[in-house]
């Protein structure tokens, strides 16, 4: 675990329903990647996603990994925890899945 930076920023993005590329792009439009920041992605209200949206999520994180210290993904879906691990490898971004928002926020506050 990395030591937290004094000016660490935590941004939260909520994804809901069935995720499409358009919905993902809209959700990420408000995120301005800047070091040091940790992104928390709340997927608890997501019901599913398009394969293209998953690819776009990986691409976006690959493009911004130098400006985002880590990504916490909140979901109770066990399969999605494994998918988050795979997306972390594919994007080169430190990414970890959590069951609850308080766990994700604590990890994020510690710098990921």
N, C-alpha and C. Protein backbone atom coordinates (compact mmCIF):
# COMPACT_ATOMS: atom_id res chain seq x y z
N UNK A 1 0.84 -1.17 0.00
CA UNK A 1 0.00 0.00 0.00
C UNK A 1 0.89 1.24 0.00
N UNK A 2 0.52 2.24 -0.76
CA UNK A 2 1.28 3.48 -0.84
C UNK A 2 0.89 4.42 0.29
N UNK A 3 1.82 5.25 0.69
CA UNK A 3 1.52 6.25 1.72
C UNK A 3 0.60 7.31 1.14
N UNK A 4 -0.37 7.77 1.90
CA UNK A 4 -1.29 8.77 1.39
C UNK A 4 -0.59 10.10 1.18
N UNK A 5 -0.95 10.78 0.12
CA UNK A 5 -0.40 12.10 -0.17
C UNK A 5 -1.22 13.14 0.57
N UNK A 6 -0.57 14.24 0.95
CA UNK A 6 -1.24 15.27 1.72
C UNK A 6 -2.44 15.85 0.98
N UNK A 7 -2.34 15.98 -0.33
CA UNK A 7 -3.42 16.60 -1.10
C UNK A 7 -4.18 15.56 -1.92
N UNK A 8 -4.25 14.34 -1.41
CA UNK A 8 -4.94 13.27 -2.12
C UNK A 8 -6.39 13.64 -2.37
N UNK A 9 -6.81 13.44 -3.59
CA UNK A 9 -8.19 13.71 -3.98
C UNK A 9 -8.90 12.38 -4.23
N UNK A 10 -10.13 12.27 -3.74
CA UNK A 10 -10.94 11.08 -3.98
C UNK A 10 -12.17 11.51 -4.76
N UNK A 11 -12.32 10.98 -5.97
CA UNK A 11 -13.49 11.24 -6.80
C UNK A 11 -14.35 9.99 -6.80
N UNK A 12 -15.66 10.17 -6.77
CA UNK A 12 -16.60 9.05 -6.79
C UNK A 12 -17.46 9.16 -8.04
N UNK A 13 -17.58 8.06 -8.77
CA UNK A 13 -18.43 7.96 -9.95
C UNK A 13 -19.42 6.84 -9.69
N UNK A 14 -20.70 7.11 -9.95
CA UNK A 14 -21.72 6.08 -9.78
C UNK A 14 -22.20 5.61 -11.15
N UNK A 15 -22.19 4.30 -11.34
CA UNK A 15 -22.68 3.70 -12.57
C UNK A 15 -23.95 2.92 -12.23
N UNK A 16 -25.01 3.13 -13.02
CA UNK A 16 -26.29 2.51 -12.72
C UNK A 16 -26.87 1.82 -13.95
N UNK A 17 -27.78 0.88 -13.70
CA UNK A 17 -28.46 0.19 -14.78
C UNK A 17 -27.51 -0.64 -15.62
N UNK A 18 -27.88 -0.81 -16.88
CA UNK A 18 -27.04 -1.54 -17.83
C UNK A 18 -26.06 -0.56 -18.47
N UNK A 19 -24.78 -0.79 -18.27
CA UNK A 19 -23.75 0.14 -18.72
C UNK A 19 -23.46 -0.01 -20.21
N UNK A 20 -23.59 1.11 -20.92
CA UNK A 20 -23.22 1.20 -22.33
C UNK A 20 -22.03 2.15 -22.44
N UNK A 21 -21.42 2.22 -23.60
CA UNK A 21 -20.31 3.16 -23.80
C UNK A 21 -20.77 4.59 -23.58
N UNK A 22 -21.96 4.91 -24.05
CA UNK A 22 -22.48 6.27 -23.90
C UNK A 22 -22.66 6.63 -22.43
N UNK A 23 -23.22 5.70 -21.65
CA UNK A 23 -23.42 5.95 -20.22
C UNK A 23 -22.07 6.06 -19.49
N UNK A 24 -21.12 5.23 -19.87
CA UNK A 24 -19.79 5.29 -19.27
C UNK A 24 -19.12 6.61 -19.58
N UNK A 25 -19.15 7.01 -20.84
CA UNK A 25 -18.53 8.28 -21.23
C UNK A 25 -19.16 9.44 -20.48
N UNK A 26 -20.49 9.42 -20.31
CA UNK A 26 -21.19 10.49 -19.58
C UNK A 26 -20.75 10.52 -18.12
N UNK A 27 -20.62 9.35 -17.50
CA UNK A 27 -20.22 9.27 -16.10
C UNK A 27 -18.78 9.74 -15.90
N UNK A 28 -17.90 9.40 -16.83
CA UNK A 28 -16.49 9.76 -16.70
C UNK A 28 -16.19 11.18 -17.18
N UNK A 29 -17.14 11.80 -17.85
CA UNK A 29 -16.93 13.16 -18.37
C UNK A 29 -16.64 14.16 -17.25
N UNK A 30 -17.21 13.92 -16.08
CA UNK A 30 -17.00 14.83 -14.96
C UNK A 30 -15.73 14.57 -14.17
N UNK A 31 -14.99 13.55 -14.54
CA UNK A 31 -13.75 13.21 -13.83
C UNK A 31 -12.58 13.88 -14.53
N UNK A 32 -11.82 14.64 -13.76
CA UNK A 32 -10.62 15.26 -14.31
C UNK A 32 -9.42 14.59 -13.65
N UNK A 33 -8.83 13.60 -14.32
CA UNK A 33 -7.71 12.88 -13.71
C UNK A 33 -6.56 13.82 -13.39
N UNK A 34 -6.14 13.80 -12.13
CA UNK A 34 -5.04 14.65 -11.69
C UNK A 34 -4.35 13.98 -10.51
N UNK A 35 -3.05 13.94 -10.55
CA UNK A 35 -2.33 13.33 -9.43
C UNK A 35 -2.31 14.28 -8.24
N UNK A 36 -2.30 13.78 -7.03
CA UNK A 36 -2.62 12.38 -6.71
C UNK A 36 -4.12 12.23 -6.48
N UNK A 37 -4.72 11.32 -7.14
CA UNK A 37 -6.14 11.07 -6.93
C UNK A 37 -6.41 9.58 -6.95
N UNK A 38 -7.48 9.22 -6.25
CA UNK A 38 -7.99 7.86 -6.27
C UNK A 38 -9.43 7.95 -6.73
N UNK A 39 -9.80 7.10 -7.64
CA UNK A 39 -11.16 7.09 -8.17
C UNK A 39 -11.92 5.93 -7.54
N UNK A 40 -13.11 6.22 -7.02
CA UNK A 40 -14.00 5.19 -6.49
C UNK A 40 -15.16 5.07 -7.47
N UNK A 41 -15.36 3.87 -8.01
CA UNK A 41 -16.43 3.62 -8.97
C UNK A 41 -17.49 2.76 -8.28
N UNK A 42 -18.64 3.35 -8.04
CA UNK A 42 -19.73 2.67 -7.34
C UNK A 42 -20.61 1.96 -8.37
N UNK A 43 -20.53 0.65 -8.39
CA UNK A 43 -21.27 -0.17 -9.35
C UNK A 43 -22.43 -0.94 -8.69
N UNK A 44 -22.78 -0.58 -7.46
CA UNK A 44 -23.80 -1.33 -6.74
C UNK A 44 -25.16 -1.30 -7.43
N UNK A 45 -25.45 -0.24 -8.17
CA UNK A 45 -26.74 -0.14 -8.86
C UNK A 45 -26.66 -0.58 -10.32
N UNK A 46 -25.51 -1.10 -10.73
CA UNK A 46 -25.37 -1.61 -12.11
C UNK A 46 -26.00 -2.99 -12.22
N UNK A 47 -26.68 -3.22 -13.31
CA UNK A 47 -27.30 -4.53 -13.54
C UNK A 47 -26.52 -5.37 -14.54
N UNK A 48 -25.67 -4.73 -15.32
CA UNK A 48 -24.88 -5.42 -16.33
C UNK A 48 -24.14 -4.40 -17.17
N UNK A 49 -23.46 -4.88 -18.20
CA UNK A 49 -22.70 -3.98 -19.06
C UNK A 49 -22.48 -4.63 -20.41
N UNK A 50 -22.29 -3.78 -21.41
CA UNK A 50 -21.92 -4.24 -22.75
C UNK A 50 -20.42 -4.54 -22.77
N UNK A 51 -20.02 -5.51 -23.57
CA UNK A 51 -18.60 -5.84 -23.69
C UNK A 51 -17.81 -4.62 -24.16
N UNK A 52 -18.39 -3.84 -25.03
CA UNK A 52 -17.72 -2.63 -25.53
C UNK A 52 -17.52 -1.61 -24.40
N UNK A 53 -18.47 -1.51 -23.49
CA UNK A 53 -18.33 -0.60 -22.36
C UNK A 53 -17.19 -1.06 -21.46
N UNK A 54 -17.05 -2.35 -21.25
CA UNK A 54 -15.95 -2.88 -20.45
C UNK A 54 -14.62 -2.55 -21.12
N UNK A 55 -14.54 -2.72 -22.45
CA UNK A 55 -13.31 -2.37 -23.18
C UNK A 55 -13.00 -0.88 -23.04
N UNK A 56 -14.03 -0.05 -23.13
CA UNK A 56 -13.84 1.39 -23.02
C UNK A 56 -13.35 1.76 -21.61
N UNK A 57 -13.88 1.09 -20.59
CA UNK A 57 -13.45 1.32 -19.21
C UNK A 57 -11.96 1.03 -19.08
N UNK A 58 -11.50 -0.08 -19.64
CA UNK A 58 -10.09 -0.45 -19.61
C UNK A 58 -9.26 0.58 -20.37
N UNK A 59 -9.70 0.98 -21.55
CA UNK A 59 -8.98 1.98 -22.35
C UNK A 59 -8.85 3.30 -21.60
N UNK A 60 -9.94 3.75 -21.00
CA UNK A 60 -9.94 5.03 -20.28
C UNK A 60 -8.91 4.98 -19.16
N UNK A 61 -8.87 3.87 -18.43
CA UNK A 61 -7.92 3.76 -17.33
C UNK A 61 -6.49 3.61 -17.83
N UNK A 62 -6.31 2.96 -18.94
CA UNK A 62 -4.97 2.86 -19.53
C UNK A 62 -4.48 4.27 -19.91
N UNK A 63 -5.37 5.06 -20.49
CA UNK A 63 -5.01 6.43 -20.91
C UNK A 63 -4.69 7.34 -19.73
N UNK A 64 -5.31 7.12 -18.58
CA UNK A 64 -5.18 8.03 -17.44
C UNK A 64 -4.42 7.46 -16.25
N UNK A 65 -3.82 6.29 -16.39
CA UNK A 65 -3.19 5.63 -15.24
C UNK A 65 -2.06 6.43 -14.63
N UNK A 66 -1.41 7.30 -15.38
CA UNK A 66 -0.33 8.11 -14.83
C UNK A 66 -0.84 9.24 -13.94
N UNK A 67 -2.13 9.55 -14.04
CA UNK A 67 -2.71 10.65 -13.25
C UNK A 67 -3.66 10.17 -12.17
N UNK A 68 -3.93 8.87 -12.12
CA UNK A 68 -4.81 8.31 -11.10
C UNK A 68 -4.00 7.25 -10.34
N UNK A 69 -3.86 7.44 -9.03
CA UNK A 69 -3.04 6.53 -8.23
C UNK A 69 -3.64 5.14 -8.16
N UNK A 70 -4.96 5.07 -8.03
CA UNK A 70 -5.62 3.77 -7.89
C UNK A 70 -7.12 3.93 -8.11
N UNK A 71 -7.78 2.79 -8.35
CA UNK A 71 -9.22 2.77 -8.58
C UNK A 71 -9.85 1.72 -7.68
N UNK A 72 -10.84 2.14 -6.91
CA UNK A 72 -11.63 1.22 -6.08
C UNK A 72 -12.97 1.03 -6.76
N UNK A 73 -13.38 -0.22 -6.95
CA UNK A 73 -14.67 -0.52 -7.57
C UNK A 73 -15.55 -1.20 -6.52
N UNK A 74 -16.74 -0.64 -6.32
CA UNK A 74 -17.64 -1.18 -5.30
C UNK A 74 -18.74 -1.99 -5.97
N UNK A 75 -18.76 -3.28 -5.66
CA UNK A 75 -19.78 -4.19 -6.16
C UNK A 75 -19.84 -5.41 -5.26
N UNK A 76 -21.04 -5.91 -5.05
CA UNK A 76 -21.19 -7.13 -4.25
C UNK A 76 -21.15 -8.37 -5.13
N UNK A 77 -21.07 -8.19 -6.44
CA UNK A 77 -21.05 -9.32 -7.37
C UNK A 77 -19.66 -9.97 -7.38
N UNK A 78 -19.58 -11.20 -6.91
CA UNK A 78 -18.31 -11.92 -6.81
C UNK A 78 -17.61 -12.02 -8.17
N UNK A 79 -18.35 -12.34 -9.22
CA UNK A 79 -17.75 -12.46 -10.55
C UNK A 79 -17.11 -11.15 -10.96
N UNK A 80 -17.75 -10.04 -10.65
CA UNK A 80 -17.20 -8.74 -11.02
C UNK A 80 -15.91 -8.44 -10.29
N UNK A 81 -15.73 -9.00 -9.09
CA UNK A 81 -14.46 -8.82 -8.38
C UNK A 81 -13.32 -9.41 -9.21
N UNK A 82 -13.56 -10.59 -9.78
CA UNK A 82 -12.54 -11.22 -10.64
C UNK A 82 -12.33 -10.41 -11.92
N UNK A 83 -13.40 -9.87 -12.48
CA UNK A 83 -13.30 -9.06 -13.69
C UNK A 83 -12.51 -7.79 -13.42
N UNK A 84 -12.70 -7.19 -12.25
CA UNK A 84 -11.93 -6.00 -11.88
C UNK A 84 -10.44 -6.33 -11.84
N UNK A 85 -10.09 -7.49 -11.31
CA UNK A 85 -8.68 -7.91 -11.29
C UNK A 85 -8.13 -8.04 -12.71
N UNK A 86 -8.92 -8.62 -13.60
CA UNK A 86 -8.51 -8.75 -15.00
C UNK A 86 -8.38 -7.39 -15.67
N UNK A 87 -9.31 -6.48 -15.39
CA UNK A 87 -9.25 -5.14 -15.98
C UNK A 87 -8.03 -4.38 -15.46
N UNK A 88 -7.66 -4.62 -14.22
CA UNK A 88 -6.46 -4.00 -13.66
C UNK A 88 -5.22 -4.42 -14.43
N UNK A 89 -5.12 -5.71 -14.70
CA UNK A 89 -3.99 -6.22 -15.48
C UNK A 89 -3.99 -5.66 -16.90
N UNK A 90 -5.17 -5.63 -17.52
CA UNK A 90 -5.28 -5.17 -18.91
C UNK A 90 -4.96 -3.68 -19.05
N UNK A 91 -5.32 -2.89 -18.04
CA UNK A 91 -5.12 -1.45 -18.14
C UNK A 91 -3.80 -0.99 -17.55
N UNK A 92 -3.19 -1.82 -16.72
CA UNK A 92 -1.97 -1.40 -16.03
C UNK A 92 -2.26 -0.47 -14.87
N UNK A 93 -3.51 -0.36 -14.48
CA UNK A 93 -3.97 0.53 -13.41
C UNK A 93 -4.15 -0.25 -12.12
N UNK A 94 -3.70 0.28 -10.98
CA UNK A 94 -3.99 -0.35 -9.70
C UNK A 94 -5.48 -0.24 -9.45
N UNK A 95 -6.14 -1.38 -9.38
CA UNK A 95 -7.60 -1.43 -9.27
C UNK A 95 -7.96 -2.56 -8.31
N UNK A 96 -8.91 -2.28 -7.42
CA UNK A 96 -9.32 -3.31 -6.46
C UNK A 96 -10.83 -3.22 -6.24
N UNK A 97 -11.48 -4.37 -6.11
CA UNK A 97 -12.92 -4.42 -5.88
C UNK A 97 -13.21 -4.57 -4.39
N UNK A 98 -14.31 -3.95 -3.98
CA UNK A 98 -14.77 -3.98 -2.59
C UNK A 98 -16.26 -4.27 -2.57
N UNK A 99 -16.72 -4.88 -1.48
CA UNK A 99 -18.15 -5.15 -1.31
C UNK A 99 -18.92 -3.92 -0.85
N UNK A 100 -18.26 -3.03 -0.11
CA UNK A 100 -18.96 -1.91 0.51
C UNK A 100 -18.22 -0.59 0.28
N UNK A 101 -18.99 0.48 0.24
CA UNK A 101 -18.43 1.81 0.00
C UNK A 101 -17.46 2.22 1.10
N UNK A 102 -17.74 1.90 2.36
CA UNK A 102 -16.85 2.32 3.44
C UNK A 102 -15.48 1.65 3.31
N UNK A 103 -15.44 0.40 2.84
CA UNK A 103 -14.17 -0.29 2.61
C UNK A 103 -13.39 0.41 1.50
N UNK A 104 -14.09 0.74 0.42
CA UNK A 104 -13.44 1.39 -0.72
C UNK A 104 -12.92 2.78 -0.33
N UNK A 105 -13.72 3.53 0.40
CA UNK A 105 -13.30 4.87 0.83
C UNK A 105 -12.09 4.80 1.76
N UNK A 106 -12.05 3.84 2.67
CA UNK A 106 -10.91 3.70 3.58
C UNK A 106 -9.64 3.37 2.79
N UNK A 107 -9.75 2.48 1.82
CA UNK A 107 -8.61 2.12 0.99
C UNK A 107 -8.15 3.34 0.17
N UNK A 108 -9.12 4.05 -0.38
CA UNK A 108 -8.82 5.24 -1.18
C UNK A 108 -8.15 6.31 -0.32
N UNK A 109 -8.65 6.53 0.89
CA UNK A 109 -8.08 7.54 1.78
C UNK A 109 -6.65 7.22 2.17
N UNK A 110 -6.32 5.92 2.17
CA UNK A 110 -4.95 5.49 2.48
C UNK A 110 -4.04 5.60 1.26
N UNK A 111 -4.59 6.04 0.14
CA UNK A 111 -3.79 6.20 -1.07
C UNK A 111 -3.88 5.04 -2.03
N UNK A 112 -4.78 4.12 -1.74
CA UNK A 112 -4.97 2.96 -2.63
C UNK A 112 -4.02 1.89 -2.30
